[in-house]
Amino acid sequence: MKLYPALTTLALACALLTAIPPTHAAEASSPVVGLTQSQAGYHRFMVGTVEVTALSDGTIGLDTQLLQTPDRHSLDDALKVAHVASPLDTSVNAYLVKLKGRLILVDAGTGTLFGPSLNKLPASLRAAGVDPTQITDVLVTHVHTDHTGGLMSGAQRVYPNATVHVDQREIDYWLATANEQAAPKEKQAFFRQARASLAPYVATGQVRAFDGAQQLFPGLRSVPAPGHTPGHTFYALEDQGVKLMFWGDVMHAAEVQLPDPSVTIVYDVDPEAARTQRLRAFADAAQAGYMVAPAHMAFPGVGRLRVEGTAYRWLPLPYVNDAAAAKN
């Protein structure tokens, strides 16, 4: 793994710090009725002896026109079967892992970049009893804005004491000016926002790059899953024979992609590779029976998959509240 030094070259520092202002809410999201900025969400559960907490950053409308399929009729049928309509109310989830004295956050949410119905992750953390300054590590599944925008709040690092772990391929792709210039105009903002989110952590030597499959901590390892982005990464947590796979963006619209995993989305950097990755991930999870945590499954977003013909069914993790009541 590579830990970026606090003193970077002048050229890199200048490139990282030239970022655009945050996206305005009107440009990034559709109105969501009934949600407030203060509506935090968290859900604790166990993976063996390891405590994991699902954390809500909020929800946002997803226009199903962004989904890519030659069969729009089947897509519309899937929405009707699920009793939903476009835009889909899509969760943005992160996860906290308490592991051997460390507080490890998987993904960092959107920050202020996607509008007022999001940016609830810090409040969700505090509601769960954790201050953002206590986070020791942030594992980034990929550098899209809804997974790294929350690293910053204006000019302030939200997790000032954390090391940010990310695949080297993500850094190489998103921080390269040539890749931004080669990207379609409507996707160039992702590159500028990536630089804005990562720059302060690079400058203080808090970005640790890894190469593919690595054991990052005891019981927690990275699993390469390229396609959605070049360095898209799953993280596998295993303890006492129980396994949970943090899936990142292998799936964006469960109502459509569970019945038809071949459906892609315009945000896929490599749609064919993303489709292949999803088919492989769905099949393996269903066959092995381990838990999965996609970033955009309805909160709390943890469950298992079951095969049903050529489709899959989502089996959510049962809600358990076994905390002892306080005694007067």
Protein backbone atom coordinates (compact mmCIF):
# COMPACT_ATOMS: atom_id res chain seq x y z
CA MET A 1 0.00 0.00 0.00
CA LYS A 2 1.10 3.57 -0.67
CA LEU A 3 0.69 6.35 1.88
CA TYR A 4 0.70 9.72 0.15
CA PRO A 5 3.15 12.11 1.88
CA ALA A 6 2.08 15.43 3.33
CA LEU A 7 4.48 17.27 1.02
CA THR A 8 3.31 16.57 -2.48
CA THR A 9 4.74 18.13 -5.60
CA LEU A 10 3.59 21.64 -6.40
CA ALA A 11 2.04 20.45 -9.64
CA LEU A 12 -0.09 17.81 -7.89
CA ALA A 13 -1.19 20.20 -5.17
CA CYS A 14 -2.27 22.82 -7.70
CA ALA A 15 -4.15 20.25 -9.75
CA LEU A 16 -5.94 18.85 -6.71
CA LEU A 17 -7.02 22.21 -5.34
CA THR A 18 -8.56 23.60 -8.55
CA ALA A 19 -12.09 22.31 -8.05
CA ILE A 20 -15.48 23.64 -9.03
CA PRO A 21 -17.99 24.89 -6.44
CA PRO A 22 -20.50 22.35 -5.06
CA THR A 23 -23.35 21.39 -7.38
CA HIS A 24 -26.52 23.34 -6.64
CA ALA A 25 -29.46 21.37 -5.33
CA ALA A 26 -31.66 22.29 -8.28
CA GLU A 27 -29.09 20.78 -10.62
CA ALA A 28 -28.49 17.60 -8.67
CA SER A 29 -31.73 16.35 -7.18
CA SER A 30 -35.48 16.29 -7.50
CA PRO A 31 -37.74 17.50 -4.67
CA VAL A 32 -38.36 14.91 -1.96
CA VAL A 33 -41.49 15.43 0.11
CA GLY A 34 -41.42 14.86 3.85
CA LEU A 35 -37.65 14.66 4.41
CA THR A 36 -35.79 17.10 6.63
CA GLN A 37 -32.13 17.80 7.08
CA SER A 38 -32.28 16.46 10.67
CA GLN A 39 -33.70 13.01 9.85
CA ALA A 40 -30.75 10.80 10.72
CA GLY A 41 -30.82 7.02 10.47
CA TYR A 42 -28.77 4.16 11.87
CA HIS A 43 -29.18 0.43 12.41
CA ARG A 44 -26.79 -1.78 14.39
CA PHE A 45 -26.24 -5.48 13.74
CA MET A 46 -23.53 -8.08 14.27
CA VAL A 47 -21.23 -9.91 11.88
CA GLY A 48 -19.96 -12.66 14.14
CA THR A 49 -18.59 -10.70 17.09
CA VAL A 50 -18.03 -7.50 15.06
CA GLU A 51 -20.49 -4.63 15.49
CA VAL A 52 -21.57 -2.96 12.24
CA THR A 53 -23.86 0.05 11.95
CA ALA A 54 -25.72 0.98 8.78
CA LEU A 55 -25.83 4.75 8.39
CA SER A 56 -28.17 6.80 6.21
CA ASP A 57 -26.91 9.81 4.27
CA GLY A 58 -30.48 10.36 3.05
CA THR A 59 -32.32 9.60 -0.18
CA ILE A 60 -32.50 11.15 -3.62
CA GLY A 61 -34.66 10.72 -6.70
CA LEU A 62 -33.18 8.52 -9.44
CA ASP A 63 -34.60 9.04 -12.92
CA THR A 64 -35.01 5.60 -14.49
CA GLN A 65 -34.07 7.08 -17.87
CA LEU A 66 -30.51 6.84 -16.55
CA LEU A 67 -30.81 3.05 -16.60
CA GLN A 68 -29.55 1.44 -19.80
CA THR A 69 -31.41 -1.45 -21.41
CA PRO A 70 -32.64 -2.29 -24.93
CA ASP A 71 -35.96 -3.40 -23.43
CA ARG A 72 -37.64 -0.37 -21.88
CA HIS A 73 -40.94 -2.25 -21.77
CA SER A 74 -39.52 -4.83 -19.35
CA LEU A 75 -38.05 -2.04 -17.24
CA ASP A 76 -41.44 -0.33 -16.98
CA ASP A 77 -43.05 -3.67 -16.10
CA ALA A 78 -40.51 -4.19 -13.31
CA LEU A 79 -41.39 -0.80 -11.85
CA LYS A 80 -45.10 -1.65 -11.92
CA VAL A 81 -44.52 -5.00 -10.23
CA ALA A 82 -42.57 -3.24 -7.46
CA HIS A 83 -45.28 -0.54 -7.11
CA VAL A 84 -42.79 2.27 -7.73
CA ALA A 85 -42.40 4.97 -10.36
CA SER A 86 -39.66 7.21 -11.68
CA PRO A 87 -37.90 8.92 -10.03
CA LEU A 88 -37.03 6.14 -7.61
CA ASP A 89 -36.41 7.09 -3.98
CA THR A 90 -32.82 5.91 -3.80
CA SER A 91 -30.90 5.50 -0.54
CA VAL A 92 -27.30 6.58 -0.07
CA ASN A 93 -25.87 4.31 2.63
CA ALA A 94 -22.59 4.13 4.49
CA TYR A 95 -21.46 1.62 7.11
CA LEU A 96 -19.49 1.81 10.35
CA VAL A 97 -17.36 -1.15 11.45
CA LYS A 98 -16.01 -1.35 15.01
CA LEU A 99 -12.97 -3.57 14.63
CA LYS A 100 -10.24 -4.13 17.21
CA GLY A 101 -10.11 -0.58 18.52
CA ARG A 102 -10.72 1.07 15.14
CA LEU A 103 -13.79 2.91 13.87
CA ILE A 104 -13.90 2.19 10.14
CA LEU A 105 -16.35 3.98 7.86
CA VAL A 106 -17.21 2.41 4.50
CA ASP A 107 -17.89 5.33 2.12
CA ALA A 108 -18.46 8.94 3.14
CA GLY A 109 -21.72 10.02 1.53
CA THR A 110 -22.41 13.08 -0.59
CA GLY A 111 -21.74 16.09 1.59
CA THR A 112 -23.46 19.16 0.16
CA LEU A 113 -22.96 18.17 -3.47
CA PHE A 114 -26.30 16.48 -4.21
CA GLY A 115 -28.86 18.69 -2.54
CA PRO A 116 -30.80 19.08 0.73
CA SER A 117 -32.31 15.60 0.96
CA LEU A 118 -28.81 14.18 1.57
CA ASN A 119 -25.76 15.04 3.72
CA LYS A 120 -27.23 13.30 6.77
CA LEU A 121 -24.26 10.98 7.41
CA PRO A 122 -22.57 13.10 10.12
CA ALA A 123 -25.90 13.39 11.96
CA SER A 124 -26.48 9.65 11.61
CA LEU A 125 -23.04 8.97 13.04
CA ARG A 126 -23.67 11.23 16.02
CA ALA A 127 -27.09 9.66 16.60
CA ALA A 128 -25.30 6.31 16.76
CA GLY A 129 -22.94 7.70 19.42
CA VAL A 130 -19.89 8.41 17.25
CA ASP A 131 -18.40 11.81 16.48
CA PRO A 132 -16.83 12.13 13.01
CA THR A 133 -13.53 13.08 14.63
CA GLN A 134 -13.39 9.57 16.15
CA ILE A 135 -13.31 7.82 12.77
CA THR A 136 -9.90 6.20 12.28
CA ASP A 137 -10.32 4.95 8.71
CA VAL A 138 -12.53 5.55 5.67
CA LEU A 139 -12.74 2.77 3.07
CA VAL A 140 -13.78 4.20 -0.30
CA THR A 141 -15.54 1.78 -2.66
CA HIS A 142 -14.97 4.28 -5.49
CA VAL A 143 -14.47 8.00 -5.99
CA HIS A 144 -17.89 9.03 -7.31
CA THR A 145 -19.27 12.13 -5.61
CA ASP A 146 -21.96 10.33 -3.61
CA HIS A 147 -19.25 8.22 -1.93
CA THR A 148 -16.54 10.82 -1.32
CA GLY A 149 -18.27 14.22 -1.37
CA GLY A 150 -18.92 13.86 2.36
CA LEU A 151 -15.21 13.77 3.15
CA MET A 152 -15.36 17.58 3.17
CA SER A 153 -17.68 20.24 4.55
CA GLY A 154 -16.69 23.42 2.80
CA ALA A 155 -12.98 23.84 3.53
CA GLN A 156 -13.06 21.53 6.57
CA ARG A 157 -12.19 17.85 6.66
CA VAL A 158 -15.15 15.99 8.17
CA TYR A 159 -12.87 13.13 9.31
CA PRO A 160 -9.68 14.95 10.31
CA ASN A 161 -8.17 11.96 12.13
CA ALA A 162 -8.95 9.31 9.53
CA THR A 163 -6.83 7.56 6.93
CA VAL A 164 -8.66 7.31 3.60
CA HIS A 165 -8.12 3.94 1.88
CA VAL A 166 -8.77 3.69 -1.86
CA ASP A 167 -7.58 1.56 -4.77
CA GLN A 168 -4.67 3.10 -6.66
CA ARG A 169 -6.62 2.76 -9.93
CA GLU A 170 -9.25 5.16 -8.62
CA ILE A 171 -6.63 7.77 -7.78
CA ASP A 172 -4.91 7.35 -11.12
CA TYR A 173 -8.19 7.70 -13.03
CA TRP A 174 -10.03 10.47 -11.19
CA LEU A 175 -7.08 12.74 -10.43
CA ALA A 176 -5.72 12.74 -13.99
CA THR A 177 -6.48 15.95 -15.87
CA ALA A 178 -6.20 14.10 -19.19
CA ASN A 179 -9.05 11.76 -18.18
CA GLU A 180 -11.24 14.71 -17.25
CA GLN A 181 -10.60 16.38 -20.59
CA ALA A 182 -11.38 13.14 -22.46
CA ALA A 183 -14.65 12.56 -20.57
CA PRO A 184 -18.04 13.74 -21.90
CA LYS A 185 -18.75 17.27 -20.73
CA GLU A 186 -21.64 16.16 -18.50
CA LYS A 187 -19.29 13.83 -16.56
CA GLN A 188 -16.34 16.18 -16.12
CA ALA A 189 -17.73 17.54 -12.84
CA PHE A 190 -17.07 14.14 -11.22
CA PHE A 191 -13.35 14.66 -11.74
CA ARG A 192 -13.33 18.17 -10.28
CA GLN A 193 -15.43 17.11 -7.31
CA ALA A 194 -13.10 14.14 -6.72
CA ARG A 195 -10.14 16.49 -6.49
CA ALA A 196 -12.02 18.79 -4.11
CA SER A 197 -12.89 15.88 -1.80
CA LEU A 198 -9.50 14.18 -1.74
CA ALA A 199 -7.13 17.15 -1.96
CA PRO A 200 -7.01 18.06 1.74
CA TYR A 201 -6.43 14.41 2.74
CA VAL A 202 -3.66 14.05 0.16
CA ALA A 203 -2.06 17.25 1.41
CA THR A 204 -1.90 15.93 4.98
CA GLY A 205 -0.67 12.46 4.03
CA GLN A 206 -3.97 10.78 4.96
CA VAL A 207 -4.65 8.92 1.69
CA ARG A 208 -3.41 5.34 1.64
CA ALA A 209 -3.62 3.65 -1.76
CA PHE A 210 -3.78 -0.13 -2.09
CA ASP A 211 -3.38 -2.37 -5.12
CA GLY A 212 -6.27 -4.74 -5.77
CA ALA A 213 -6.93 -7.53 -3.27
CA GLN A 214 -5.36 -6.67 0.10
CA GLN A 215 -5.84 -7.61 3.74
CA LEU A 216 -6.43 -4.13 5.18
CA PHE A 217 -7.26 -5.11 8.76
CA PRO A 218 -7.77 -8.43 10.57
CA GLY A 219 -10.95 -9.88 9.08
CA LEU A 220 -11.43 -7.05 6.58
CA ARG A 221 -10.08 -7.16 3.03
CA SER A 222 -10.50 -5.43 -0.31
CA VAL A 223 -11.99 -7.30 -3.27
CA PRO A 224 -11.42 -5.78 -6.73
CA ALA A 225 -14.70 -5.21 -8.60
CA PRO A 226 -13.86 -2.94 -11.56
CA GLY A 227 -16.45 -1.88 -14.10
CA HIS A 228 -18.60 0.81 -12.56
CA THR A 229 -15.30 2.65 -12.16
CA PRO A 230 -11.75 1.43 -12.90
CA GLY A 231 -10.88 0.79 -9.26
CA HIS A 232 -14.34 0.00 -7.88
CA THR A 233 -13.84 -2.16 -4.79
CA PHE A 234 -15.90 -4.43 -2.57
CA TYR A 235 -14.87 -4.91 1.06
CA ALA A 236 -15.31 -8.31 2.73
CA LEU A 237 -15.77 -8.51 6.49
CA GLU A 238 -15.56 -11.99 8.01
CA ASP A 239 -15.74 -13.13 11.64
CA GLN A 240 -16.57 -16.51 13.19
CA GLY A 241 -17.75 -17.94 9.88
CA VAL A 242 -20.09 -15.01 9.14
CA LYS A 243 -19.43 -12.85 6.07
CA LEU A 244 -20.66 -9.45 4.92
CA MET A 245 -19.66 -7.94 1.58
CA PHE A 246 -19.88 -4.15 1.23
CA TRP A 247 -20.87 -3.84 -2.41
CA GLY A 248 -20.58 -0.15 -3.28
CA ASP A 249 -22.31 0.53 -6.60
CA VAL A 250 -22.78 -2.94 -8.02
CA MET A 251 -26.50 -2.07 -8.07
CA HIS A 252 -28.39 1.24 -8.30
CA ALA A 253 -32.04 0.25 -8.77
CA ALA A 254 -32.97 -3.00 -7.05
CA GLU A 255 -36.51 -2.93 -8.45
CA VAL A 256 -35.07 -3.25 -11.95
CA GLN A 257 -31.64 -4.88 -11.57
CA LEU A 258 -32.69 -7.77 -9.35
CA PRO A 259 -35.17 -9.07 -11.95
CA ASP A 260 -32.72 -8.19 -14.74
CA PRO A 261 -29.05 -7.88 -13.66
CA SER A 262 -28.03 -7.00 -17.23
CA VAL A 263 -29.40 -3.46 -16.84
CA THR A 264 -26.63 -0.87 -16.52
CA ILE A 265 -26.59 2.86 -15.71
CA VAL A 266 -25.10 5.87 -17.48
CA TYR A 267 -22.67 6.40 -14.59
CA ASP A 268 -20.83 3.13 -15.39
CA VAL A 269 -17.39 3.97 -16.75
CA ASP A 270 -17.29 0.54 -18.43
CA PRO A 271 -20.89 -0.72 -18.80
CA GLU A 272 -19.96 -4.18 -20.10
CA ALA A 273 -17.52 -4.78 -17.25
CA ALA A 274 -20.06 -3.43 -14.74
CA ARG A 275 -22.70 -5.84 -16.07
CA THR A 276 -20.30 -8.77 -15.85
CA GLN A 277 -19.31 -7.79 -12.32
CA ARG A 278 -22.94 -7.59 -11.19
CA LEU A 279 -23.84 -10.97 -12.69
CA ARG A 280 -20.83 -12.54 -10.98
CA ALA A 281 -21.50 -10.82 -7.64
CA PHE A 282 -25.20 -11.71 -7.58
CA ALA A 283 -24.53 -15.35 -8.42
CA ASP A 284 -21.79 -15.75 -5.83
CA ALA A 285 -23.76 -14.09 -3.03
CA ALA A 286 -26.85 -16.19 -3.74
CA GLN A 287 -24.87 -19.44 -3.98
CA ALA A 288 -22.76 -18.83 -0.85
CA GLY A 289 -25.51 -17.20 1.21
CA TYR A 290 -23.44 -14.40 2.76
CA MET A 291 -24.80 -10.95 3.59
CA VAL A 292 -24.33 -8.02 1.24
CA ALA A 293 -24.59 -4.26 1.75
CA PRO A 294 -25.11 -2.28 -1.48
CA ALA A 295 -24.74 1.47 -1.16
CA HIS A 296 -28.08 2.21 -2.83
CA MET A 297 -30.40 -0.50 -1.50
CA ALA A 298 -33.31 0.89 0.57
CA PHE A 299 -31.95 1.68 4.03
CA PRO A 300 -30.54 -0.06 6.02
CA GLY A 301 -29.51 -1.91 2.87
CA VAL A 302 -28.28 -5.21 4.33
CA GLY A 303 -29.55 -8.61 3.27
CA ARG A 304 -29.03 -11.71 1.14
CA LEU A 305 -29.95 -12.75 -2.38
CA ARG A 306 -31.93 -15.79 -3.49
CA VAL A 307 -32.10 -17.08 -7.07
CA GLU A 308 -35.53 -17.17 -8.68
CA GLY A 309 -35.15 -18.42 -12.24
CA THR A 310 -33.10 -15.82 -14.10
CA ALA A 311 -33.88 -13.19 -11.47
CA TYR A 312 -32.99 -12.59 -7.82
CA ARG A 313 -35.04 -11.86 -4.71
CA TRP A 314 -33.83 -9.58 -1.92
CA LEU A 315 -34.01 -11.07 1.58
CA PRO A 316 -33.51 -8.19 4.03
CA LEU A 317 -31.67 -8.77 7.27
CA PRO A 318 -34.30 -9.16 10.03
CA TYR A 319 -34.52 -6.20 12.38
CA VAL A 320 -33.25 -7.09 15.85
CA ASN A 321 -33.38 -4.72 18.84
CA ASP A 322 -31.97 -6.60 21.82
CA ALA A 323 -30.46 -3.70 23.75
CA ALA A 324 -31.22 -3.91 27.45
CA ALA A 325 -33.66 -1.27 28.70
CA ALA A 326 -32.19 1.35 31.02
CA LYS A 327 -33.07 0.83 34.68
CA ASN A 328 -34.17 3.73 36.86
